[in-house]
Amino acid sequence: MQDKDALSTLTWLLDAGADEAMGEEPVNRLKAPMPHPPLEGPEGRARAQARPVGSQFVSAASKFREREQPPSPTPPPSDNDAIGTAQRSAAAASSLADLKAALEAFEGCGLKRGATTTVFADGTPTGGIMFIGEAPGRDEDRAGKPFVGRAGQLLDRMLASIGLSRQTNTYITNVMAWRPPDNRDPTPEEGAMCLPFLRRHIELADPKVIVLLGAVAARHVVGLSEGIMRSRGRWMDYRIGEQTVPLLLTLHPAYLLRQPAHKKLAWRDLQSLAARLESLNLLERRDAVS
């Protein structure tokens, strides 16, 4: 009975086209094939050279995938690249005019694309007194000069109260050369891109006294981490090359417009500034204004 069943099975296989024996042992198709034993002699070497190895298949597949994948887009320049460009451009400037031209040519800060003008400085750089604010506002962006709006008008009155003016002895600039959208505070990255220009600006102007207006200027120039209300009226030293110059922290005029009750604090800072300027022979001694 068993022989008859085997014969019937063989007949069915022949009818199905399985009329050629492939080997004496059954092959388990679910098991990975064993590698061929190395062949010896010239015939073996020729066959080995003709048969591609696995690495050749992998290499060909990799090349195919590389052809299929689109090329990666060129990454935009990083902040570090922009800061490096700013440092080199600022260092190459040998005069205030050169620095202004370098700043106008600088494209690393995104604020420039939304600004109308580059706001560089205003006043008298040879007077020895340098005021530094934070960033241009709408009026400054239109005029191309710092502190020309309501805050600038208040600053002019504050300066006049102790015998200072842009026309004779005061030089004014900002940390940022371009207006941030909606007058927001500049980000640390934006400040870092403009800081090389500001530092070179200070070196070329060579002031004898520096006044920082507001928390943003204090944060970027001297790294102030605490609030300006706790720091206003404080004198610090700022190094320019081999020398140090006195630096005063005070309130920003725009803040005083919002908080007029604090004008008395700014007045105390102005009196301290006047006394320091008189001691340095940068301001004629006069009676105190009540």
C-alpha atoms as a PDB file:
ATOM      1  CA  MET A   1       0.000   0.000   0.000  1.00  0.00           C
ATOM      2  CA  GLN A   2       2.796   2.329   0.893  1.00  0.00           C
ATOM      3  CA  ASP A   3       4.686   1.561  -2.346  1.00  0.00           C
ATOM      4  CA  LYS A   4       1.539   2.321  -4.329  1.00  0.00           C
ATOM      5  CA  ASP A   5       1.147   5.673  -2.584  1.00  0.00           C
ATOM      6  CA  ALA A   6       4.780   6.560  -3.227  1.00  0.00           C
ATOM      7  CA  LEU A   7       4.417   5.653  -6.894  1.00  0.00           C
ATOM      8  CA  SER A   8       1.295   7.808  -7.181  1.00  0.00           C
ATOM      9  CA  THR A   9       3.119  10.742  -5.595  1.00  0.00           C
ATOM     10  CA  LEU A  10       6.066  10.354  -7.975  1.00  0.00           C
ATOM     11  CA  THR A  11       3.692  10.212 -10.968  1.00  0.00           C
ATOM     12  CA  TRP A  12       2.001  13.423  -9.792  1.00  0.00           C
ATOM     13  CA  LEU A  13       5.369  15.203  -9.485  1.00  0.00           C
ATOM     14  CA  LEU A  14       6.371  14.150 -12.991  1.00  0.00           C
ATOM     15  CA  ASP A  15       3.093  15.425 -14.377  1.00  0.00           C
ATOM     16  CA  ALA A  16       3.732  18.726 -12.581  1.00  0.00           C
ATOM     17  CA  GLY A  17       7.114  19.136 -14.309  1.00  0.00           C
ATOM     18  CA  ALA A  18       9.408  18.064 -11.484  1.00  0.00           C
ATOM     19  CA  ASP A  19      11.314  15.653 -13.707  1.00  0.00           C
ATOM     20  CA  GLU A  20      14.884  16.453 -12.590  1.00  0.00           C
ATOM     21  CA  ALA A  21      16.592  15.541  -9.350  1.00  0.00           C
ATOM     22  CA  MET A  22      18.434  18.511  -7.669  1.00  0.00           C
ATOM     23  CA  GLY A  23      20.323  16.589  -5.009  1.00  0.00           C
ATOM     24  CA  GLU A  24      20.459  13.513  -2.914  1.00  0.00           C
ATOM     25  CA  GLU A  25      19.667  15.393   0.321  1.00  0.00           C
ATOM     26  CA  PRO A  26      16.526  17.478   0.934  1.00  0.00           C
ATOM     27  CA  VAL A  27      17.169  21.224   1.231  1.00  0.00           C
ATOM     28  CA  ASN A  28      15.749  23.284   4.095  1.00  0.00           C
ATOM     29  CA  ARG A  29      14.833  26.557   2.377  1.00  0.00           C
ATOM     30  CA  LEU A  30      14.298  28.314   5.724  1.00  0.00           C
ATOM     31  CA  LYS A  31      17.915  27.864   6.754  1.00  0.00           C
ATOM     32  CA  ALA A  32      20.730  30.134   5.494  1.00  0.00           C
ATOM     33  CA  PRO A  33      22.905  28.328   2.954  1.00  0.00           C
ATOM     34  CA  MET A  34      26.378  27.299   3.984  1.00  0.00           C
ATOM     35  CA  PRO A  35      29.222  29.047   2.182  1.00  0.00           C
ATOM     36  CA  HIS A  36      30.847  27.162  -0.621  1.00  0.00           C
ATOM     37  CA  PRO A  37      34.103  25.481   0.350  1.00  0.00           C
ATOM     38  CA  PRO A  38      37.115  27.130  -1.199  1.00  0.00           C
ATOM     39  CA  LEU A  39      38.106  25.680  -4.512  1.00  0.00           C
ATOM     40  CA  GLU A  40      41.674  24.853  -5.180  1.00  0.00           C
ATOM     41  CA  GLY A  41      43.777  25.258  -8.253  1.00  0.00           C
ATOM     42  CA  PRO A  42      43.446  27.637 -11.217  1.00  0.00           C
ATOM     43  CA  GLU A  43      39.774  26.796 -11.709  1.00  0.00           C
ATOM     44  CA  GLY A  44      38.954  27.737  -8.119  1.00  0.00           C
ATOM     45  CA  ARG A  45      40.818  31.052  -8.290  1.00  0.00           C
ATOM     46  CA  ALA A  46      39.106  31.977 -11.551  1.00  0.00           C
ATOM     47  CA  ARG A  47      35.661  31.162 -10.128  1.00  0.00           C
ATOM     48  CA  ALA A  48      36.364  33.171  -6.943  1.00  0.00           C
ATOM     49  CA  GLN A  49      37.381  36.189  -8.996  1.00  0.00           C
ATOM     50  CA  ALA A  50      34.282  35.912 -11.151  1.00  0.00           C
ATOM     51  CA  ARG A  51      31.870  35.624  -8.168  1.00  0.00           C
ATOM     52  CA  PRO A  52      31.121  39.024  -6.502  1.00  0.00           C
ATOM     53  CA  VAL A  53      31.493  39.132  -2.750  1.00  0.00           C
ATOM     54  CA  GLY A  54      28.987  40.642  -0.339  1.00  0.00           C
ATOM     55  CA  SER A  55      30.790  43.977  -0.024  1.00  0.00           C
ATOM     56  CA  GLN A  56      30.470  44.496  -3.782  1.00  0.00           C
ATOM     57  CA  PHE A  57      26.699  44.041  -3.552  1.00  0.00           C
ATOM     58  CA  VAL A  58      26.523  46.453  -0.597  1.00  0.00           C
ATOM     59  CA  SER A  59      28.610  49.016  -2.473  1.00  0.00           C
ATOM     60  CA  ALA A  60      26.367  48.788  -5.533  1.00  0.00           C
ATOM     61  CA  ALA A  61      23.238  49.145  -3.385  1.00  0.00           C
ATOM     62  CA  SER A  62      24.698  52.148  -1.605  1.00  0.00           C
ATOM     63  CA  LYS A  63      25.504  53.847  -4.910  1.00  0.00           C
ATOM     64  CA  PHE A  64      21.961  53.177  -6.076  1.00  0.00           C
ATOM     65  CA  ARG A  65      20.522  54.731  -2.919  1.00  0.00           C
ATOM     66  CA  GLU A  66      22.812  57.745  -3.295  1.00  0.00           C
ATOM     67  CA  ARG A  67      21.532  58.282  -6.831  1.00  0.00           C
ATOM     68  CA  GLU A  68      17.929  58.002  -5.668  1.00  0.00           C
ATOM     69  CA  GLN A  69      18.242  60.441  -2.736  1.00  0.00           C
ATOM     70  CA  PRO A  70      18.101  64.191  -3.508  1.00  0.00           C
ATOM     71  CA  PRO A  71      21.179  66.182  -2.541  1.00  0.00           C
ATOM     72  CA  SER A  72      21.064  67.790   0.910  1.00  0.00           C
ATOM     73  CA  PRO A  73      20.443  71.555   0.828  1.00  0.00           C
ATOM     74  CA  THR A  74      23.333  73.793   1.803  1.00  0.00           C
ATOM     75  CA  PRO A  75      22.859  74.697   5.479  1.00  0.00           C
ATOM     76  CA  PRO A  76      22.481  78.392   6.293  1.00  0.00           C
ATOM     77  CA  PRO A  77      25.461  80.078   7.944  1.00  0.00           C
ATOM     78  CA  SER A  78      25.490  79.530  11.693  1.00  0.00           C
ATOM     79  CA  ASP A  79      25.469  82.234  14.332  1.00  0.00           C
ATOM     80  CA  ASN A  80      29.117  81.454  15.038  1.00  0.00           C
ATOM     81  CA  ASP A  81      29.974  82.186  11.400  1.00  0.00           C
ATOM     82  CA  ALA A  82      28.163  85.537  11.606  1.00  0.00           C
ATOM     83  CA  ILE A  83      29.904  86.446  14.847  1.00  0.00           C
ATOM     84  CA  GLY A  84      33.282  85.548  13.348  1.00  0.00           C
ATOM     85  CA  THR A  85      32.554  87.714  10.320  1.00  0.00           C
ATOM     86  CA  ALA A  86      31.532  90.579  12.601  1.00  0.00           C
ATOM     87  CA  GLN A  87      34.741  90.249  14.613  1.00  0.00           C
ATOM     88  CA  ARG A  88      36.926  90.335  11.511  1.00  0.00           C
ATOM     89  CA  SER A  89      35.044  93.244   9.944  1.00  0.00           C
ATOM     90  CA  ALA A  90      35.114  95.291  13.129  1.00  0.00           C
ATOM     91  CA  ALA A  91      38.799  94.604  13.788  1.00  0.00           C
ATOM     92  CA  ALA A  92      39.709  95.753  10.276  1.00  0.00           C
ATOM     93  CA  ALA A  93      38.136  99.196  10.805  1.00  0.00           C
ATOM     94  CA  SER A  94      40.740 101.856  11.582  1.00  0.00           C
ATOM     95  CA  SER A  95      38.351 104.809  11.934  1.00  0.00           C
ATOM     96  CA  LEU A  96      34.748 105.519  12.870  1.00  0.00           C
ATOM     97  CA  ALA A  97      33.956 106.036   9.189  1.00  0.00           C
ATOM     98  CA  ASP A  98      35.438 102.617   8.348  1.00  0.00           C
ATOM     99  CA  LEU A  99      33.446 101.022  11.154  1.00  0.00           C
ATOM    100  CA  LYS A 100      30.204 102.583   9.960  1.00  0.00           C
ATOM    101  CA  ALA A 101      30.836 101.286   6.441  1.00  0.00           C
ATOM    102  CA  ALA A 102      31.631  97.812   7.789  1.00  0.00           C
ATOM    103  CA  LEU A 103      28.440  97.805   9.848  1.00  0.00           C
ATOM    104  CA  GLU A 104      26.344  98.876   6.871  1.00  0.00           C
ATOM    105  CA  ALA A 105      27.876  96.068   4.799  1.00  0.00           C
ATOM    106  CA  PHE A 106      27.353  93.378   7.456  1.00  0.00           C
ATOM    107  CA  GLU A 107      24.578  90.908   6.556  1.00  0.00           C
ATOM    108  CA  GLY A 108      24.888  88.456   9.447  1.00  0.00           C
ATOM    109  CA  CYS A 109      22.140  89.876  11.669  1.00  0.00           C
ATOM    110  CA  GLY A 110      18.543  89.200  10.632  1.00  0.00           C
ATOM    111  CA  LEU A 111      17.360  92.474  12.176  1.00  0.00           C
ATOM    112  CA  LYS A 112      18.922  94.376   9.291  1.00  0.00           C
ATOM    113  CA  ARG A 113      16.500  92.850   6.780  1.00  0.00           C
ATOM    114  CA  GLY A 114      13.522  94.349   8.617  1.00  0.00           C
ATOM    115  CA  ALA A 115      15.075  97.738   9.363  1.00  0.00           C
ATOM    116  CA  THR A 116      14.908 100.889   7.278  1.00  0.00           C
ATOM    117  CA  THR A 117      18.402 102.175   8.072  1.00  0.00           C
ATOM    118  CA  THR A 118      21.547 101.322   9.977  1.00  0.00           C
ATOM    119  CA  VAL A 119      21.655 103.565  13.064  1.00  0.00           C
ATOM    120  CA  PHE A 120      25.306 104.213  13.873  1.00  0.00           C
ATOM    121  CA  ALA A 121      25.826 107.181  16.235  1.00  0.00           C
ATOM    122  CA  ASP A 122      25.238 110.856  16.876  1.00  0.00           C
ATOM    123  CA  GLY A 123      27.034 113.642  18.706  1.00  0.00           C
ATOM    124  CA  THR A 124      30.654 114.613  19.283  1.00  0.00           C
ATOM    125  CA  PRO A 125      33.077 111.658  19.577  1.00  0.00           C
ATOM    126  CA  THR A 126      35.965 113.883  20.695  1.00  0.00           C
ATOM    127  CA  GLY A 127      34.147 115.092  23.824  1.00  0.00           C
ATOM    128  CA  GLY A 128      35.251 112.098  25.874  1.00  0.00           C
ATOM    129  CA  ILE A 129      31.737 111.169  27.115  1.00  0.00           C
ATOM    130  CA  MET A 130      29.944 108.210  25.521  1.00  0.00           C
ATOM    131  CA  PHE A 131      26.311 107.176  26.164  1.00  0.00           C
ATOM    132  CA  ILE A 132      25.174 103.714  25.039  1.00  0.00           C
ATOM    133  CA  GLY A 133      21.520 102.702  24.779  1.00  0.00           C
ATOM    134  CA  GLU A 134      19.932  99.438  23.696  1.00  0.00           C
ATOM    135  CA  ALA A 135      18.427  99.643  20.177  1.00  0.00           C
ATOM    136  CA  PRO A 136      16.776 102.084  17.747  1.00  0.00           C
ATOM    137  CA  GLY A 137      13.035 102.655  17.922  1.00  0.00           C
ATOM    138  CA  ARG A 138      10.657 103.635  15.146  1.00  0.00           C
ATOM    139  CA  ASP A 139      11.754 107.285  15.025  1.00  0.00           C
ATOM    140  CA  GLU A 140      15.433 106.366  15.107  1.00  0.00           C
ATOM    141  CA  ASP A 141      14.950 103.794  12.345  1.00  0.00           C
ATOM    142  CA  ARG A 142      13.446 106.456  10.124  1.00  0.00           C
ATOM    143  CA  ALA A 143      15.980 109.189  10.948  1.00  0.00           C
ATOM    144  CA  GLY A 144      19.089 106.991  11.018  1.00  0.00           C
ATOM    145  CA  LYS A 145      20.217 108.537  14.330  1.00  0.00           C
ATOM    146  CA  PRO A 146      19.947 107.287  17.928  1.00  0.00           C
ATOM    147  CA  PHE A 147      17.647 108.899  20.497  1.00  0.00           C
ATOM    148  CA  VAL A 148      15.594 111.259  18.346  1.00  0.00           C
ATOM    149  CA  GLY A 149      12.088 110.296  19.557  1.00  0.00           C
ATOM    150  CA  ARG A 150      10.418 111.149  22.861  1.00  0.00           C
ATOM    151  CA  ALA A 151      13.062 109.246  24.829  1.00  0.00           C
ATOM    152  CA  GLY A 152      15.771 111.103  22.941  1.00  0.00           C
ATOM    153  CA  GLN A 153      14.196 114.456  23.702  1.00  0.00           C
ATOM    154  CA  LEU A 154      14.116 113.571  27.394  1.00  0.00           C
ATOM    155  CA  LEU A 155      17.754 112.478  27.203  1.00  0.00           C
ATOM    156  CA  ASP A 156      18.715 115.832  25.686  1.00  0.00           C
ATOM    157  CA  ARG A 157      17.029 117.636  28.601  1.00  0.00           C
ATOM    158  CA  MET A 158      18.804 115.372  31.076  1.00  0.00           C
ATOM    159  CA  LEU A 159      22.156 116.122  29.444  1.00  0.00           C
ATOM    160  CA  ALA A 160      21.506 119.844  29.387  1.00  0.00           C
ATOM    161  CA  SER A 161      20.737 119.814  33.125  1.00  0.00           C
ATOM    162  CA  ILE A 162      24.410 119.071  33.854  1.00  0.00           C
ATOM    163  CA  GLY A 163      25.965 121.004  30.988  1.00  0.00           C
ATOM    164  CA  LEU A 164      26.206 118.282  28.324  1.00  0.00           C
ATOM    165  CA  SER A 165      24.998 118.266  24.718  1.00  0.00           C
ATOM    166  CA  ARG A 166      25.509 116.300  21.528  1.00  0.00           C
ATOM    167  CA  GLN A 167      26.816 119.389  19.780  1.00  0.00           C
ATOM    168  CA  THR A 168      29.726 120.011  22.166  1.00  0.00           C
ATOM    169  CA  ASN A 169      30.844 117.085  24.293  1.00  0.00           C
ATOM    170  CA  THR A 170      28.563 114.011  24.173  1.00  0.00           C
ATOM    171  CA  TYR A 171      28.612 110.993  21.859  1.00  0.00           C
ATOM    172  CA  ILE A 172      25.619 108.617  21.679  1.00  0.00           C
ATOM    173  CA  THR A 173      25.156 105.145  20.197  1.00  0.00           C
ATOM    174  CA  ASN A 174      23.328 101.850  20.838  1.00  0.00           C
ATOM    175  CA  VAL A 175      24.214  98.213  21.366  1.00  0.00           C
ATOM    176  CA  MET A 176      22.116  97.319  18.307  1.00  0.00           C
ATOM    177  CA  ALA A 177      22.402  99.117  14.998  1.00  0.00           C
ATOM    178  CA  TRP A 178      18.979  97.979  13.726  1.00  0.00           C
ATOM    179  CA  ARG A 179      15.495  98.237  15.147  1.00  0.00           C
ATOM    180  CA  PRO A 180      14.039  94.970  16.514  1.00  0.00           C
ATOM    181  CA  PRO A 181      10.470  94.274  15.335  1.00  0.00           C
ATOM    182  CA  ASP A 182       7.826  95.917  17.545  1.00  0.00           C
ATOM    183  CA  ASN A 183      10.638  97.397  19.657  1.00  0.00           C
ATOM    184  CA  ARG A 184      11.190  94.076  21.433  1.00  0.00           C
ATOM    185  CA  ASP A 185      14.401  93.418  23.358  1.00  0.00           C
ATOM    186  CA  PRO A 186      17.200  92.031  21.162  1.00  0.00           C
ATOM    187  CA  THR A 187      17.947  88.356  21.663  1.00  0.00           C
ATOM    188  CA  PRO A 188      21.316  87.238  23.075  1.00  0.00           C
ATOM    189  CA  GLU A 189      22.261  85.954  19.590  1.00  0.00           C
ATOM    190  CA  GLU A 190      21.451  89.291  17.953  1.00  0.00           C
ATOM    191  CA  GLY A 191      23.401  91.117  20.622  1.00  0.00           C
ATOM    192  CA  ALA A 192      26.390  88.821  20.157  1.00  0.00           C
ATOM    193  CA  MET A 193      26.498  89.652  16.429  1.00  0.00           C
ATOM    194  CA  CYS A 194      26.522  93.409  17.055  1.00  0.00           C
ATOM    195  CA  LEU A 195      28.803  93.382  20.096  1.00  0.00           C
ATOM    196  CA  PRO A 196      32.089  93.177  18.109  1.00  0.00           C
ATOM    197  CA  PHE A 197      31.119  96.386  16.321  1.00  0.00           C
ATOM    198  CA  LEU A 198      30.196  98.101  19.592  1.00  0.00           C
ATOM    199  CA  ARG A 199      33.455  97.120  21.265  1.00  0.00           C
ATOM    200  CA  ARG A 200      35.427  98.443  18.312  1.00  0.00           C
ATOM    201  CA  HIS A 201      33.223 101.536  18.362  1.00  0.00           C
ATOM    202  CA  ILE A 202      34.240 102.189  21.964  1.00  0.00           C
ATOM    203  CA  GLU A 203      37.916 101.652  21.140  1.00  0.00           C
ATOM    204  CA  LEU A 204      37.848 104.083  18.212  1.00  0.00           C
ATOM    205  CA  ALA A 205      35.822 106.742  20.058  1.00  0.00           C
ATOM    206  CA  ASP A 206      38.209 106.395  23.035  1.00  0.00           C
ATOM    207  CA  PRO A 207      35.877 107.907  25.662  1.00  0.00           C
ATOM    208  CA  LYS A 208      37.056 108.961  29.109  1.00  0.00           C
ATOM    209  CA  VAL A 209      33.667 108.089  30.673  1.00  0.00           C
ATOM    210  CA  ILE A 210      30.941 105.651  29.533  1.00  0.00           C
ATOM    211  CA  VAL A 211      27.268 105.736  30.593  1.00  0.00           C
ATOM    212  CA  LEU A 212      25.043 102.716  29.956  1.00  0.00           C
ATOM    213  CA  LEU A 213      21.340 103.508  29.597  1.00  0.00           C
ATOM    214  CA  GLY A 214      19.072 100.703  30.754  1.00  0.00           C
ATOM    215  CA  ALA A 215      19.190  96.998  31.486  1.00  0.00           C
ATOM    216  CA  VAL A 216      19.715  95.785  27.896  1.00  0.00           C
ATOM    217  CA  ALA A 217      22.852  97.869  27.426  1.00  0.00           C
ATOM    218  CA  ALA A 218      24.167  96.803  30.839  1.00  0.00           C
ATOM    219  CA  ARG A 219      23.483  93.141  30.059  1.00  0.00           C
ATOM    220  CA  HIS A 220      25.338  93.130  26.749  1.00  0.00           C
ATOM    221  CA  VAL A 221      28.236  95.451  27.563  1.00  0.00           C
ATOM    222  CA  VAL A 222      29.191  94.411  31.109  1.00  0.00           C
ATOM    223  CA  GLY A 223      27.214  91.165  31.495  1.00  0.00           C
ATOM    224  CA  LEU A 224      24.871  92.491  34.181  1.00  0.00           C
ATOM    225  CA  SER A 225      22.562  89.715  35.398  1.00  0.00           C
ATOM    226  CA  GLU A 226      20.575  91.548  38.081  1.00  0.00           C
ATOM    227  CA  GLY A 227      17.893  94.172  37.521  1.00  0.00           C
ATOM    228  CA  ILE A 228      18.844  97.704  36.553  1.00  0.00           C
ATOM    229  CA  MET A 229      16.956  99.137  39.554  1.00  0.00           C
ATOM    230  CA  ARG A 230      19.395  97.378  41.867  1.00  0.00           C
ATOM    231  CA  SER A 231      22.417  98.397  39.786  1.00  0.00           C
ATOM    232  CA  ARG A 232      21.654 101.973  38.714  1.00  0.00           C
ATOM    233  CA  GLY A 233      24.041 104.535  40.131  1.00  0.00           C
ATOM    234  CA  ARG A 234      26.870 101.985  40.291  1.00  0.00           C
ATOM    235  CA  TRP A 235      30.272 102.819  38.877  1.00  0.00           C
ATOM    236  CA  MET A 236      32.327 100.103  37.208  1.00  0.00           C
ATOM    237  CA  ASP A 237      35.579  99.893  35.239  1.00  0.00           C
ATOM    238  CA  TYR A 238      35.611  99.177  31.518  1.00  0.00           C
ATOM    239  CA  ARG A 239      38.874  98.132  29.887  1.00  0.00           C
ATOM    240  CA  ILE A 240      39.928  99.717  26.597  1.00  0.00           C
ATOM    241  CA  GLY A 241      43.255  98.235  25.522  1.00  0.00           C
ATOM    242  CA  GLU A 242      45.705  98.761  28.364  1.00  0.00           C
ATOM    243  CA  GLN A 243      43.617 101.335  30.200  1.00  0.00           C
ATOM    244  CA  THR A 244      40.354 101.317  32.138  1.00  0.00           C
ATOM    245  CA  VAL A 245      37.690 103.992  32.050  1.00  0.00           C
ATOM    246  CA  PRO A 246      34.872 104.637  34.553  1.00  0.00           C
ATOM    247  CA  LEU A 247      31.451 103.344  33.509  1.00  0.00           C
ATOM    248  CA  LEU A 248      28.116 104.355  35.066  1.00  0.00           C
ATOM    249  CA  LEU A 249      24.865 102.377  35.005  1.00  0.00           C
ATOM    250  CA  THR A 250      21.633 104.369  34.934  1.00  0.00           C
ATOM    251  CA  LEU A 251      18.004 104.201  33.802  1.00  0.00           C
ATOM    252  CA  HIS A 252      16.897 104.429  30.186  1.00  0.00           C
ATOM    253  CA  PRO A 253      14.916 107.554  29.238  1.00  0.00           C
ATOM    254  CA  ALA A 254      12.150 105.390  27.724  1.00  0.00           C
ATOM    255  CA  TYR A 255      11.712 103.740  31.127  1.00  0.00           C
ATOM    256  CA  LEU A 256      11.510 107.158  32.783  1.00  0.00           C
ATOM    257  CA  LEU A 257       8.691 108.116  30.413  1.00  0.00           C
ATOM    258  CA  ARG A 258       6.752 105.091  31.656  1.00  0.00           C
ATOM    259  CA  GLN A 259       7.770 105.581  35.291  1.00  0.00           C
ATOM    260  CA  PRO A 260       8.161 109.342  35.825  1.00  0.00           C
ATOM    261  CA  ALA A 261       8.379 108.891  39.606  1.00  0.00           C
ATOM    262  CA  HIS A 262      11.831 107.364  39.079  1.00  0.00           C
ATOM    263  CA  LYS A 263      13.223 110.491  37.449  1.00  0.00           C
ATOM    264  CA  LYS A 264      14.562 111.460  40.865  1.00  0.00           C
ATOM    265  CA  LEU A 265      16.766 108.353  40.773  1.00  0.00           C
ATOM    266  CA  ALA A 266      18.094 109.297  37.343  1.00  0.00           C
ATOM    267  CA  TRP A 267      18.774 112.799  38.640  1.00  0.00           C
ATOM    268  CA  ARG A 268      20.958 111.351  41.404  1.00  0.00           C
ATOM    269  CA  ASP A 269      22.882 109.400  38.772  1.00  0.00           C
ATOM    270  CA  LEU A 270      23.339 112.569  36.708  1.00  0.00           C
ATOM    271  CA  GLN A 271      24.738 114.403  39.718  1.00  0.00           C
ATOM    272  CA  SER A 272      27.183 111.551  40.273  1.00  0.00           C
ATOM    273  CA  LEU A 273      28.146 111.720  36.592  1.00  0.00           C
ATOM    274  CA  ALA A 274      28.687 115.476  36.734  1.00  0.00           C
ATOM    275  CA  ALA A 275      30.964 115.117  39.757  1.00  0.00           C
ATOM    276  CA  ARG A 276      33.053 112.460  37.993  1.00  0.00           C
ATOM    277  CA  LEU A 277      33.320 114.557  34.828  1.00  0.00           C
ATOM    278  CA  GLU A 278      34.436 117.579  36.844  1.00  0.00           C
ATOM    279  CA  SER A 279      37.123 115.512  38.557  1.00  0.00           C
ATOM    280  CA  LEU A 280      38.409 114.459  35.131  1.00  0.00           C
ATOM    281  CA  ASN A 281      38.278 118.029  33.800  1.00  0.00           C
ATOM    282  CA  LEU A 282      35.674 117.005  31.223  1.00  0.00           C
ATOM    283  CA  LEU A 283      33.078 119.402  32.590  1.00  0.00           C
ATOM    284  CA  GLU A 284      33.458 122.885  34.006  1.00  0.00           C
ATOM    285  CA  ARG A 285      32.759 123.070  37.710  1.00  0.00           C
ATOM    286  CA  ARG A 286      29.529 124.906  38.480  1.00  0.00           C
ATOM    287  CA  ASP A 287      26.923 125.309  41.207  1.00  0.00           C
ATOM    288  CA  ALA A 288      24.669 122.303  41.775  1.00  0.00           C
ATOM    289  CA  VAL A 289      21.230 122.539  40.245  1.00  0.00           C
ATOM    290  CA  SER A 290      18.436 121.933  42.757  1.00  0.00           C
END
